[in-house]
N, C-alpha and C. Protein backbone atom coordinates (compact mmCIF):
# COMPACT_ATOMS: atom_id res chain seq x y z
N MET A 1 352.72 170.21 17.29
CA MET A 1 353.66 169.99 17.74
C MET A 1 352.52 170.42 19.98
N PHE A 2 353.02 171.23 19.98
CA PHE A 2 352.96 171.91 20.88
C PHE A 2 350.74 171.79 21.55
N PRO A 3 349.44 171.55 20.63
CA PRO A 3 348.74 170.84 20.34
C PRO A 3 348.86 169.79 21.68
N MET A 4 349.65 168.60 21.03
CA MET A 4 349.81 167.22 21.67
C MET A 4 350.51 167.22 22.83
N ASN A 5 351.62 168.13 23.12
CA ASN A 5 351.97 168.53 24.45
C ASN A 5 351.34 168.41 25.53
N TRP A 6 350.34 169.77 25.15
CA TRP A 6 349.01 169.73 26.09
C TRP A 6 348.23 168.85 26.33
N TRP A 7 347.88 167.68 25.25
CA TRP A 7 346.67 166.52 25.44
C TRP A 7 348.03 166.01 26.38
N LEU A 8 349.12 165.50 26.23
CA LEU A 8 349.58 165.16 27.12
C LEU A 8 349.72 165.37 28.46
N MET A 9 349.48 166.49 28.61
CA MET A 9 349.55 167.40 29.82
C MET A 9 348.52 166.43 30.22
N SER A 10 347.07 166.86 30.01
CA SER A 10 346.23 166.83 30.08
C SER A 10 345.43 165.14 30.81
N LEU A 11 346.50 164.41 30.26
CA LEU A 11 346.49 162.37 30.53
C LEU A 11 347.47 162.46 32.07
N ILE A 12 348.32 163.69 31.76
CA ILE A 12 349.07 162.69 32.86
C ILE A 12 348.50 163.13 34.30
N PRO A 13 347.56 163.83 34.79
CA PRO A 13 346.99 163.67 36.35
C PRO A 13 345.74 162.08 36.49
N PHE A 14 345.47 161.98 34.82
CA PHE A 14 344.33 160.93 34.45
C PHE A 14 345.99 159.73 35.10
N LEU A 15 346.23 159.66 34.28
CA LEU A 15 347.32 159.06 34.72
C LEU A 15 347.96 158.40 35.88
N LEU A 16 348.06 159.19 36.32
CA LEU A 16 348.67 159.27 38.03
C LEU A 16 347.90 158.74 38.40
N ILE A 17 346.03 158.66 38.66
CA ILE A 17 345.31 158.21 39.38
C ILE A 17 345.36 157.05 39.22
N LEU A 18 345.50 156.54 37.72
CA LEU A 18 344.54 155.47 37.72
C LEU A 18 346.23 154.59 38.31
N MET A 19 347.39 154.93 37.96
CA MET A 19 348.64 154.13 38.40
C MET A 19 348.36 154.26 39.79
N ASN A 20 347.90 155.24 41.22
CA ASN A 20 347.66 154.91 42.01
C ASN A 20 346.84 153.84 42.36
N MET A 21 345.59 153.88 41.83
CA MET A 21 344.42 153.08 42.37
C MET A 21 344.60 151.78 41.65
N MET A 22 346.03 151.18 40.96
CA MET A 22 346.49 150.21 40.86
C MET A 22 347.69 149.98 41.63
N LEU A 23 348.13 150.50 42.01
CA LEU A 23 349.64 150.25 43.11
C LEU A 23 348.51 149.92 44.46
N MET A 24 346.61 150.97 45.02
CA MET A 24 346.87 150.42 46.42
C MET A 24 346.24 148.66 45.92
N GLN A 25 345.14 148.20 45.15
CA GLN A 25 344.83 147.23 44.97
C GLN A 25 346.31 146.28 44.59
N PHE A 26 347.23 146.52 44.06
CA PHE A 26 348.46 145.90 44.57
C PHE A 26 348.96 145.34 45.97
N ILE A 27 348.81 146.49 46.57
CA ILE A 27 349.01 146.38 48.31
C ILE A 27 348.19 145.62 49.03
N THR A 28 347.15 146.14 48.70
CA THR A 28 345.86 144.99 49.06
C THR A 28 346.19 143.57 49.37
N THR A 29 345.73 143.41 48.15
CA THR A 29 346.47 142.17 47.44
C THR A 29 347.36 141.48 48.75
N MET A 30 348.25 142.45 48.44
CA MET A 30 350.05 141.37 48.98
C MET A 30 349.91 141.58 50.06
N LYS A 31 348.43 142.17 51.25
CA LYS A 31 348.71 142.09 52.34
C LYS A 31 347.62 140.82 53.38
N LYS A 32 346.70 140.65 51.68
CA LYS A 32 346.03 138.61 52.30
C LYS A 32 346.78 137.84 52.18
N ASN A 33 348.28 138.30 50.74
CA ASN A 33 349.41 136.74 51.14
C ASN A 33 350.70 137.05 51.55
N GLU A 34 350.31 137.62 53.45
CA GLU A 34 351.39 138.03 54.16
C GLU A 34 351.81 137.01 54.74
N MET A 35 351.95 135.49 53.36
CA MET A 35 353.06 134.43 54.23
C MET A 35 354.65 134.60 53.52
N LYS A 36 354.63 135.01 52.64
CA LYS A 36 355.73 135.76 52.14
C LYS A 36 356.57 136.66 51.80
N ASN A 37 357.43 137.57 52.51
CA ASN A 37 358.50 137.92 52.58
C ASN A 37 358.55 138.31 51.68
N THR A 38 358.92 137.39 50.16
CA THR A 38 359.66 138.33 49.01
C THR A 38 358.32 139.97 48.27
N LYS A 39 357.16 139.00 48.78
CA LYS A 39 355.69 139.71 48.00
C LYS A 39 355.99 141.99 48.70
N PHE A 40 356.72 141.65 50.29
CA PHE A 40 356.87 142.57 50.57
C PHE A 40 357.31 143.59 50.40
N GLU A 41 358.84 142.89 49.38
CA GLU A 41 360.11 143.31 48.90
C GLU A 41 359.53 143.97 48.44
N THR A 42 358.70 143.67 47.65
CA THR A 42 357.77 144.32 45.70
C THR A 42 357.47 144.91 46.51
N THR A 43 356.76 145.57 47.02
CA THR A 43 356.07 146.82 47.62
C THR A 43 356.63 147.96 47.35
N LYS A 44 358.02 147.17 48.09
CA LYS A 44 359.11 148.34 48.50
C LYS A 44 359.70 148.87 47.65
N MET A 45 359.75 148.22 46.92
CA MET A 45 360.96 148.71 45.37
C MET A 45 359.67 150.29 44.74
N MET A 46 358.91 148.82 44.61
CA MET A 46 357.38 149.49 43.70
C MET A 46 357.10 151.17 44.71
N TRP A 47 357.44 151.80 45.74
CA TRP A 47 357.06 152.57 46.73
C TRP A 47 358.41 153.02 46.59
N LYS A 48 359.50 152.80 45.79
CA LYS A 48 360.15 153.93 46.35
C LYS A 48 360.84 154.71 44.52
N TRP A 49 360.25 153.22 43.44
CA TRP A 49 360.02 153.94 42.63
C TRP A 49 358.91 155.25 42.67
């Protein structure tokens, strides 16, 4: 159990970085499509989460 937990803990920073990169990509695509306000609402929801 403990080795598995340690493995997961080592994975967490990597996952966070990956998620951050994806989020940035998402936001840049949103900024390109500034026509719709609904898309900005989704970005706000993402930031709150």
